PDB file of all heavy atoms in Angstrom:
ATOM      1  N   GLN A   1      -0.981  -9.579   6.783  1.00  0.00           N
ATOM      2  CA  GLN A   1      -0.132 -10.463   5.971  1.00  0.00           C
ATOM      3  C   GLN A   1       1.221 -10.618   6.667  1.00  0.00           C
ATOM      4  O   GLN A   1       1.771  -9.687   7.183  1.00  0.00           O
ATOM      5  CB  GLN A   1       0.043  -9.863   4.564  1.00  0.00           C
ATOM      6  CG  GLN A   1       1.002 -10.598   3.691  1.00  0.00           C
ATOM      7  CD  GLN A   1       0.447 -11.975   3.274  1.00  0.00           C
ATOM      8  OE1 GLN A   1      -0.734 -12.070   2.977  1.00  0.00           O
ATOM      9  NE2 GLN A   1       1.278 -12.951   3.268  1.00  0.00           N
ATOM     10  N   ARG A   2       1.772 -11.778   6.692  1.00  0.00           N
ATOM     11  CA  ARG A   2       3.111 -12.076   7.166  1.00  0.00           C
ATOM     12  C   ARG A   2       4.037 -12.364   5.987  1.00  0.00           C
ATOM     13  O   ARG A   2       3.588 -12.887   4.984  1.00  0.00           O
ATOM     14  CB  ARG A   2       3.132 -13.204   8.150  1.00  0.00           C
ATOM     15  CG  ARG A   2       2.395 -12.891   9.426  1.00  0.00           C
ATOM     16  CD  ARG A   2       2.411 -14.149  10.370  1.00  0.00           C
ATOM     17  NE  ARG A   2       1.621 -13.949  11.542  1.00  0.00           N
ATOM     18  CZ  ARG A   2       2.194 -13.609  12.735  1.00  0.00           C
ATOM     19  NH1 ARG A   2       3.500 -13.529  12.844  1.00  0.00           N
ATOM     20  NH2 ARG A   2       1.399 -13.408  13.723  1.00  0.00           N
ATOM     21  N   TYR A   3       5.337 -12.111   6.187  1.00  0.00           N
ATOM     22  CA  TYR A   3       6.300 -12.392   5.132  1.00  0.00           C
ATOM     23  C   TYR A   3       7.467 -13.192   5.695  1.00  0.00           C
ATOM     24  O   TYR A   3       7.837 -12.998   6.835  1.00  0.00           O
ATOM     25  CB  TYR A   3       6.843 -11.071   4.548  1.00  0.00           C
ATOM     26  CG  TYR A   3       5.753 -10.223   3.962  1.00  0.00           C
ATOM     27  CD1 TYR A   3       5.131  -9.246   4.696  1.00  0.00           C
ATOM     28  CD2 TYR A   3       5.346 -10.410   2.656  1.00  0.00           C
ATOM     29  CE1 TYR A   3       4.136  -8.451   4.174  1.00  0.00           C
ATOM     30  CE2 TYR A   3       4.334  -9.651   2.091  1.00  0.00           C
ATOM     31  CZ  TYR A   3       3.728  -8.654   2.877  1.00  0.00           C
ATOM     32  OH  TYR A   3       2.751  -7.922   2.305  1.00  0.00           O
ATOM     33  N   GLN A   4       7.957 -14.039   4.894  1.00  0.00           N
ATOM     34  CA  GLN A   4       9.108 -14.864   5.287  1.00  0.00           C
ATOM     35  C   GLN A   4      10.287 -14.385   4.490  1.00  0.00           C
ATOM     36  O   GLN A   4      10.267 -14.321   3.252  1.00  0.00           O
ATOM     37  CB  GLN A   4       8.891 -16.356   4.995  1.00  0.00           C
ATOM     38  CG  GLN A   4       9.926 -17.260   5.523  1.00  0.00           C
ATOM     39  CD  GLN A   4       9.544 -18.744   5.331  1.00  0.00           C
ATOM     40  OE1 GLN A   4       8.648 -19.045   4.554  1.00  0.00           O
ATOM     41  NE2 GLN A   4      10.210 -19.573   6.021  1.00  0.00           N
ATOM     42  N   ILE A   5      11.414 -14.039   5.146  1.00  0.00           N
ATOM     43  CA  ILE A   5      12.584 -13.523   4.506  1.00  0.00           C
ATOM     44  C   ILE A   5      13.823 -14.252   4.906  1.00  0.00           C
ATOM     45  O   ILE A   5      14.007 -14.506   6.126  1.00  0.00           O
ATOM     46  CB  ILE A   5      12.784 -12.029   4.870  1.00  0.00           C
ATOM     47  CG1 ILE A   5      11.599 -11.176   4.423  1.00  0.00           C
ATOM     48  CG2 ILE A   5      14.054 -11.464   4.325  1.00  0.00           C
ATOM     49  CD1 ILE A   5      11.618  -9.758   4.955  1.00  0.00           C
ATOM     50  N   THR A   6      14.609 -14.664   3.966  1.00  0.00           N
ATOM     51  CA  THR A   6      15.847 -15.432   4.242  1.00  0.00           C
ATOM     52  C   THR A   6      16.939 -14.409   4.471  1.00  0.00           C
ATOM     53  O   THR A   6      17.126 -13.459   3.665  1.00  0.00           O
ATOM     54  CB  THR A   6      16.184 -16.355   3.123  1.00  0.00           C
ATOM     55  OG1 THR A   6      15.123 -17.293   2.945  1.00  0.00           O
ATOM     56  CG2 THR A   6      17.524 -17.087   3.351  1.00  0.00           C
ATOM     57  N   GLU A   7      17.714 -14.566   5.486  1.00  0.00           N
ATOM     58  CA  GLU A   7      18.810 -13.609   5.803  1.00  0.00           C
ATOM     59  C   GLU A   7      20.035 -14.016   4.959  1.00  0.00           C
ATOM     60  O   GLU A   7      20.751 -14.935   5.232  1.00  0.00           O
ATOM     61  CB  GLU A   7      19.182 -13.661   7.288  1.00  0.00           C
ATOM     62  CG  GLU A   7      20.209 -12.586   7.636  1.00  0.00           C
ATOM     63  CD  GLU A   7      20.499 -12.544   9.091  1.00  0.00           C
ATOM     64  OE1 GLU A   7      19.530 -12.360   9.902  1.00  0.00           O
ATOM     65  OE2 GLU A   7      21.662 -12.666   9.456  1.00  0.00           O
ATOM     66  N   THR A   8      20.203 -13.335   3.840  1.00  0.00           N
ATOM     67  CA  THR A   8      21.350 -13.515   2.960  1.00  0.00           C
ATOM     68  C   THR A   8      22.528 -12.739   3.556  1.00  0.00           C
ATOM     69  O   THR A   8      22.428 -12.020   4.500  1.00  0.00           O
ATOM     70  CB  THR A   8      21.112 -12.910   1.554  1.00  0.00           C
ATOM     71  OG1 THR A   8      20.826 -11.510   1.688  1.00  0.00           O
ATOM     72  CG2 THR A   8      19.845 -13.594   0.946  1.00  0.00           C
ATOM     73  N   ASP A   9      23.731 -12.906   2.967  1.00  0.00           N
ATOM     74  CA  ASP A   9      24.919 -12.206   3.419  1.00  0.00           C
ATOM     75  C   ASP A   9      24.661 -10.700   3.322  1.00  0.00           C
ATOM     76  O   ASP A   9      25.003  -9.959   4.268  1.00  0.00           O
ATOM     77  CB  ASP A   9      26.149 -12.596   2.608  1.00  0.00           C
ATOM     78  CG  ASP A   9      26.595 -13.989   2.901  1.00  0.00           C
ATOM     79  OD1 ASP A   9      26.191 -14.596   3.907  1.00  0.00           O
ATOM     80  OD2 ASP A   9      27.346 -14.509   2.046  1.00  0.00           O
ATOM     81  N   ALA A  10      24.093 -10.216   2.253  1.00  0.00           N
ATOM     82  CA  ALA A  10      23.875  -8.788   2.081  1.00  0.00           C
ATOM     83  C   ALA A  10      22.849  -8.255   3.148  1.00  0.00           C
ATOM     84  O   ALA A  10      23.035  -7.209   3.693  1.00  0.00           O
ATOM     85  CB  ALA A  10      23.326  -8.500   0.668  1.00  0.00           C
ATOM     86  N   LEU A  11      21.765  -9.073   3.350  1.00  0.00           N
ATOM     87  CA  LEU A  11      20.826  -8.623   4.385  1.00  0.00           C
ATOM     88  C   LEU A  11      21.427  -8.658   5.781  1.00  0.00           C
ATOM     89  O   LEU A  11      21.163  -7.772   6.605  1.00  0.00           O
ATOM     90  CB  LEU A  11      19.578  -9.537   4.323  1.00  0.00           C
ATOM     91  CG  LEU A  11      18.493  -9.217   5.326  1.00  0.00           C
ATOM     92  CD1 LEU A  11      18.038  -7.739   5.149  1.00  0.00           C
ATOM     93  CD2 LEU A  11      17.293 -10.116   5.118  1.00  0.00           C
ATOM     94  N   ALA A  12      22.225  -9.686   6.025  1.00  0.00           N
ATOM     95  CA  ALA A  12      22.901  -9.759   7.365  1.00  0.00           C
ATOM     96  C   ALA A  12      23.769  -8.535   7.582  1.00  0.00           C
ATOM     97  O   ALA A  12      23.813  -7.981   8.704  1.00  0.00           O
ATOM     98  CB  ALA A  12      23.727 -11.028   7.445  1.00  0.00           C
ATOM     99  N   GLU A  13      24.464  -8.090   6.585  1.00  0.00           N
ATOM    100  CA  GLU A  13      25.313  -6.887   6.626  1.00  0.00           C
ATOM    101  C   GLU A  13      24.470  -5.645   6.969  1.00  0.00           C
ATOM    102  O   GLU A  13      24.831  -4.866   7.769  1.00  0.00           O
ATOM    103  CB  GLU A  13      26.122  -6.716   5.406  1.00  0.00           C
ATOM    104  CG  GLU A  13      27.126  -5.570   5.470  1.00  0.00           C
ATOM    105  CD  GLU A  13      27.961  -5.460   4.204  1.00  0.00           C
ATOM    106  OE1 GLU A  13      28.160  -6.511   3.492  1.00  0.00           O
ATOM    107  OE2 GLU A  13      28.416  -4.369   3.920  1.00  0.00           O
ATOM    108  N   CYS A  14      23.337  -5.528   6.262  1.00  0.00           N
ATOM    109  CA  CYS A  14      22.463  -4.428   6.525  1.00  0.00           C
ATOM    110  C   CYS A  14      21.908  -4.445   7.967  1.00  0.00           C
ATOM    111  O   CYS A  14      21.805  -3.418   8.604  1.00  0.00           O
ATOM    112  CB  CYS A  14      21.274  -4.433   5.554  1.00  0.00           C
ATOM    113  SG  CYS A  14      21.686  -4.065   3.874  1.00  0.00           S
ATOM    114  N   LEU A  15      21.542  -5.651   8.445  1.00  0.00           N
ATOM    115  CA  LEU A  15      20.997  -5.807   9.782  1.00  0.00           C
ATOM    116  C   LEU A  15      22.086  -5.455  10.807  1.00  0.00           C
ATOM    117  O   LEU A  15      21.834  -4.907  11.859  1.00  0.00           O
ATOM    118  CB  LEU A  15      20.470  -7.212  10.002  1.00  0.00           C
ATOM    119  CG  LEU A  15      19.182  -7.478   9.264  1.00  0.00           C
ATOM    120  CD1 LEU A  15      18.821  -8.941   9.329  1.00  0.00           C
ATOM    121  CD2 LEU A  15      18.019  -6.667   9.762  1.00  0.00           C
ATOM    122  N   ASP A  16      23.325  -5.865  10.542  1.00  0.00           N
ATOM    123  CA  ASP A  16      24.442  -5.562  11.442  1.00  0.00           C
ATOM    124  C   ASP A  16      24.631  -4.088  11.582  1.00  0.00           C
ATOM    125  O   ASP A  16      24.802  -3.553  12.669  1.00  0.00           O
ATOM    126  CB  ASP A  16      25.751  -6.265  10.943  1.00  0.00           C
ATOM    127  CG  ASP A  16      25.714  -7.732  11.126  1.00  0.00           C
ATOM    128  OD1 ASP A  16      24.906  -8.281  11.851  1.00  0.00           O
ATOM    129  OD2 ASP A  16      26.578  -8.357  10.469  1.00  0.00           O
ATOM    130  N   LYS A  17      24.523  -3.350  10.446  1.00  0.00           N
ATOM    131  CA  LYS A  17      24.703  -1.909  10.441  1.00  0.00           C
ATOM    132  C   LYS A  17      23.488  -1.259  11.184  1.00  0.00           C
ATOM    133  O   LYS A  17      23.704  -0.283  11.930  1.00  0.00           O
ATOM    134  CB  LYS A  17      24.818  -1.376   9.079  1.00  0.00           C
ATOM    135  CG  LYS A  17      26.153  -1.672   8.387  1.00  0.00           C
ATOM    136  CD  LYS A  17      26.233  -1.147   6.999  1.00  0.00           C
ATOM    137  CE  LYS A  17      27.582  -1.568   6.318  1.00  0.00           C
ATOM    138  NZ  LYS A  17      27.661  -1.114   4.932  1.00  0.00           N
ATOM    139  N   ALA A  18      22.317  -1.805  10.929  1.00  0.00           N
ATOM    140  CA  ALA A  18      21.133  -1.265  11.597  1.00  0.00           C
ATOM    141  C   ALA A  18      21.215  -1.478  13.127  1.00  0.00           C
ATOM    142  O   ALA A  18      20.773  -0.604  13.846  1.00  0.00           O
ATOM    143  CB  ALA A  18      19.865  -1.937  11.051  1.00  0.00           C
ATOM    144  N   ALA A  19      21.794  -2.580  13.549  1.00  0.00           N
ATOM    145  CA  ALA A  19      21.971  -2.856  14.964  1.00  0.00           C
ATOM    146  C   ALA A  19      22.878  -1.857  15.610  1.00  0.00           C
ATOM    147  O   ALA A  19      22.760  -1.630  16.828  1.00  0.00           O
ATOM    148  CB  ALA A  19      22.470  -4.298  15.127  1.00  0.00           C
ATOM    149  N   GLU A  20      23.804  -1.282  14.868  1.00  0.00           N
ATOM    150  CA  GLU A  20      24.668  -0.241  15.404  1.00  0.00           C
ATOM    151  C   GLU A  20      23.840   1.011  15.688  1.00  0.00           C
ATOM    152  O   GLU A  20      24.146   1.727  16.689  1.00  0.00           O
ATOM    153  CB  GLU A  20      25.841   0.095  14.436  1.00  0.00           C
ATOM    154  CG  GLU A  20      26.780  -1.101  14.273  1.00  0.00           C
ATOM    155  CD  GLU A  20      27.845  -0.828  13.239  1.00  0.00           C
ATOM    156  OE1 GLU A  20      27.969   0.310  12.754  1.00  0.00           O
ATOM    157  OE2 GLU A  20      28.576  -1.779  12.866  1.00  0.00           O
ATOM    158  N   LYS A  21      22.911   1.292  14.819  1.00  0.00           N
ATOM    159  CA  LYS A  21      22.086   2.504  15.005  1.00  0.00           C
ATOM    160  C   LYS A  21      21.032   2.256  16.038  1.00  0.00           C
ATOM    161  O   LYS A  21      20.703   3.151  16.810  1.00  0.00           O
ATOM    162  CB  LYS A  21      21.441   2.913  13.667  1.00  0.00           C
ATOM    163  CG  LYS A  21      20.580   4.112  13.759  1.00  0.00           C
ATOM    164  CD  LYS A  21      20.124   4.582  12.379  1.00  0.00           C
ATOM    165  CE  LYS A  21      19.357   5.887  12.585  1.00  0.00           C
ATOM    166  NZ  LYS A  21      19.179   6.629  11.380  1.00  0.00           N
ATOM    167  N   TRP A  22      20.441   1.071  16.036  1.00  0.00           N
ATOM    168  CA  TRP A  22      19.394   0.721  16.999  1.00  0.00           C
ATOM    169  C   TRP A  22      19.810  -0.499  17.737  1.00  0.00           C
ATOM    170  O   TRP A  22      19.348  -1.645  17.538  1.00  0.00           O
ATOM    171  CB  TRP A  22      18.061   0.436  16.204  1.00  0.00           C
ATOM    172  CG  TRP A  22      17.563   1.550  15.415  1.00  0.00           C
ATOM    173  CD1 TRP A  22      17.112   2.756  15.876  1.00  0.00           C
ATOM    174  CD2 TRP A  22      17.417   1.665  13.985  1.00  0.00           C
ATOM    175  NE1 TRP A  22      16.685   3.572  14.835  1.00  0.00           N
ATOM    176  CE2 TRP A  22      16.843   2.893  13.638  1.00  0.00           C
ATOM    177  CE3 TRP A  22      17.668   0.736  12.922  1.00  0.00           C
ATOM    178  CZ2 TRP A  22      16.584   3.291  12.351  1.00  0.00           C
ATOM    179  CZ3 TRP A  22      17.363   1.114  11.604  1.00  0.00           C
ATOM    180  CH2 TRP A  22      16.879   2.412  11.324  1.00  0.00           C
ATOM    181  N   PRO A  23      20.686  -0.361  18.682  1.00  0.00           N
ATOM    182  CA  PRO A  23      21.342  -1.507  19.366  1.00  0.00           C
ATOM    183  C   PRO A  23      20.452  -2.429  20.199  1.00  0.00           C
ATOM    184  O   PRO A  23      20.726  -3.567  20.363  1.00  0.00           O
ATOM    185  CB  PRO A  23      22.401  -0.866  20.255  1.00  0.00           C
ATOM    186  CG  PRO A  23      21.938   0.550  20.464  1.00  0.00           C
ATOM    187  CD  PRO A  23      21.198   0.896  19.219  1.00  0.00           C
ATOM    188  N   ASP A  24      19.348  -1.917  20.725  1.00  0.00           N
ATOM    189  CA  ASP A  24      18.518  -2.711  21.566  1.00  0.00           C
ATOM    190  C   ASP A  24      17.295  -3.255  20.880  1.00  0.00           C
ATOM    191  O   ASP A  24      16.323  -3.686  21.526  1.00  0.00           O
ATOM    192  CB  ASP A  24      18.078  -1.902  22.804  1.00  0.00           C
ATOM    193  CG  ASP A  24      19.259  -1.441  23.647  1.00  0.00           C
ATOM    194  OD1 ASP A  24      20.227  -2.204  23.725  1.00  0.00           O
ATOM    195  OD2 ASP A  24      19.215  -0.345  24.178  1.00  0.00           O
ATOM    196  N   VAL A  25      17.327  -3.304  19.593  1.00  0.00           N
ATOM    197  CA  VAL A  25      16.218  -3.761  18.763  1.00  0.00           C
ATOM    198  C   VAL A  25      16.500  -5.192  18.181  1.00  0.00           C
ATOM    199  O   VAL A  25      17.602  -5.406  17.714  1.00  0.00           O
ATOM    200  CB  VAL A  25      15.883  -2.767  17.608  1.00  0.00           C
ATOM    201  CG1 VAL A  25      14.726  -3.294  16.733  1.00  0.00           C
ATOM    202  CG2 VAL A  25      15.565  -1.425  18.181  1.00  0.00           C
ATOM    203  N   ALA A  26      15.536  -6.100  18.312  1.00  0.00           N
ATOM    204  CA  ALA A  26      15.703  -7.443  17.795  1.00  0.00           C
ATOM    205  C   ALA A  26      15.844  -7.418  16.281  1.00  0.00           C
ATOM    206  O   ALA A  26      15.280  -6.514  15.611  1.00  0.00           O
ATOM    207  CB  ALA A  26      14.523  -8.337  18.153  1.00  0.00           C
ATOM    208  N   ARG A  27      16.578  -8.346  15.709  1.00  0.00           N
ATOM    209  CA  ARG A  27      16.803  -8.375  14.277  1.00  0.00           C
ATOM    210  C   ARG A  27      15.516  -8.407  13.457  1.00  0.00           C
ATOM    211  O   ARG A  27      15.435  -7.776  12.426  1.00  0.00           O
ATOM    212  CB  ARG A  27      17.729  -9.526  13.858  1.00  0.00           C
ATOM    213  CG  ARG A  27      19.156  -9.273  14.277  1.00  0.00           C
ATOM    214  CD  ARG A  27      20.058 -10.475  14.015  1.00  0.00           C
ATOM    215  NE  ARG A  27      20.664 -10.521  12.689  1.00  0.00           N
ATOM    216  CZ  ARG A  27      21.673  -9.749  12.251  1.00  0.00           C
ATOM    217  NH1 ARG A  27      22.207  -8.865  13.068  1.00  0.00           N
ATOM    218  NH2 ARG A  27      22.153  -9.906  11.060  1.00  0.00           N
ATOM    219  N   SER A  28      14.514  -9.117  13.915  1.00  0.00           N
ATOM    220  CA  SER A  28      13.216  -9.129  13.274  1.00  0.00           C
ATOM    221  C   SER A  28      12.617  -7.769  13.169  1.00  0.00           C
ATOM    222  O   SER A  28      12.032  -7.397  12.183  1.00  0.00           O
ATOM    223  CB  SER A  28      12.247 -10.174  13.889  1.00  0.00           C
ATOM    224  OG  SER A  28      12.021  -9.767  15.209  1.00  0.00           O
ATOM    225  N   LYS A  29      12.732  -6.973  14.254  1.00  0.00           N
ATOM    226  CA  LYS A  29      12.213  -5.627  14.247  1.00  0.00           C
ATOM    227  C   LYS A  29      13.074  -4.689  13.442  1.00  0.00           C
ATOM    228  O   LYS A  29      12.628  -3.655  12.951  1.00  0.00           O
ATOM    229  CB  LYS A  29      11.994  -5.167  15.668  1.00  0.00           C
ATOM    230  CG  LYS A  29      10.891  -5.946  16.384  1.00  0.00           C
ATOM    231  CD  LYS A  29      10.598  -5.341  17.714  1.00  0.00           C
ATOM    232  CE  LYS A  29       9.747  -6.277  18.527  1.00  0.00           C
ATOM    233  NZ  LYS A  29       8.391  -6.279  18.271  1.00  0.00           N
ATOM    234  N   LEU A  30      14.396  -5.009  13.365  1.00  0.00           N
ATOM    235  CA  LEU A  30      15.273  -4.194  12.517  1.00  0.00           C
ATOM    236  C   LEU A  30      14.864  -4.219  11.103  1.00  0.00           C
ATOM    237  O   LEU A  30      15.036  -3.270  10.342  1.00  0.00           O
ATOM    238  CB  LEU A  30      16.735  -4.639  12.643  1.00  0.00           C
ATOM    239  CG  LEU A  30      17.398  -4.324  13.979  1.00  0.00           C
ATOM    240  CD1 LEU A  30      18.787  -4.950  14.014  1.00  0.00           C
ATOM    241  CD2 LEU A  30      17.523  -2.831  14.172  1.00  0.00           C
ATOM    242  N   LEU A  31      14.331  -5.366  10.659  1.00  0.00           N
ATOM    243  CA  LEU A  31      13.784  -5.434   9.272  1.00  0.00           C
ATOM    244  C   LEU A  31      12.710  -4.417   8.998  1.00  0.00           C
ATOM    245  O   LEU A  31      12.686  -3.734   7.969  1.00  0.00           O
ATOM    246  CB  LEU A  31      13.182  -6.809   8.931  1.00  0.00           C
ATOM    247  CG  LEU A  31      14.233  -7.943   8.775  1.00  0.00           C
ATOM    248  CD1 LEU A  31      13.563  -9.308   8.745  1.00  0.00           C
ATOM    249  CD2 LEU A  31      14.972  -7.721   7.437  1.00  0.00           C
ATOM    250  N   VAL A  32      11.842  -4.227   9.991  1.00  0.00           N
ATOM    251  CA  VAL A  32      10.765  -3.253   9.897  1.00  0.00           C
ATOM    252  C   VAL A  32      11.379  -1.792   9.846  1.00  0.00           C
ATOM    253  O   VAL A  32      11.052  -1.010   9.022  1.00  0.00           O
ATOM    254  CB  VAL A  32       9.791  -3.338  11.018  1.00  0.00           C
ATOM    255  CG1 VAL A  32       8.749  -2.293  11.011  1.00  0.00           C
ATOM    256  CG2 VAL A  32       9.078  -4.775  11.003  1.00  0.00           C
ATOM    257  N   GLN A  33      12.302  -1.591  10.701  1.00  0.00           N
ATOM    258  CA  GLN A  33      13.013  -0.261  10.795  1.00  0.00           C
ATOM    259  C   GLN A  33      13.681   0.041   9.464  1.00  0.00           C
ATOM    260  O   GLN A  33      13.545   1.166   8.967  1.00  0.00           O
ATOM    261  CB  GLN A  33      14.057  -0.276  11.904  1.00  0.00           C
ATOM    262  CG  GLN A  33      13.530  -0.328  13.299  1.00  0.00           C
ATOM    263  CD  GLN A  33      12.796   0.915  13.718  1.00  0.00           C
ATOM    264  OE1 GLN A  33      11.574   0.979  13.664  1.00  0.00           O
ATOM    265  NE2 GLN A  33      13.515   1.934  14.116  1.00  0.00           N
ATOM    266  N   LEU A  34      14.370  -0.968   8.873  1.00  0.00           N
ATOM    267  CA  LEU A  34      15.035  -0.751   7.648  1.00  0.00           C
ATOM    268  C   LEU A  34      14.018  -0.485   6.491  1.00  0.00           C
ATOM    269  O   LEU A  34      14.230   0.412   5.639  1.00  0.00           O
ATOM    270  CB  LEU A  34      15.929  -1.947   7.272  1.00  0.00           C
ATOM    271  CG  LEU A  34      17.180  -2.090   8.035  1.00  0.00           C
ATOM    272  CD1 LEU A  34      17.848  -3.428   7.758  1.00  0.00           C
ATOM    273  CD2 LEU A  34      18.105  -0.950   7.788  1.00  0.00           C
TER     274      LEU A  34
END
């Protein structure tokens, strides 16, 4: 199954913070990590 997710402001903030922890990971993969 695939899922479509819209990047809201709150989600963008979470992804930005996740990118600090996992800097070399693409945002799409950061969703999985989170």
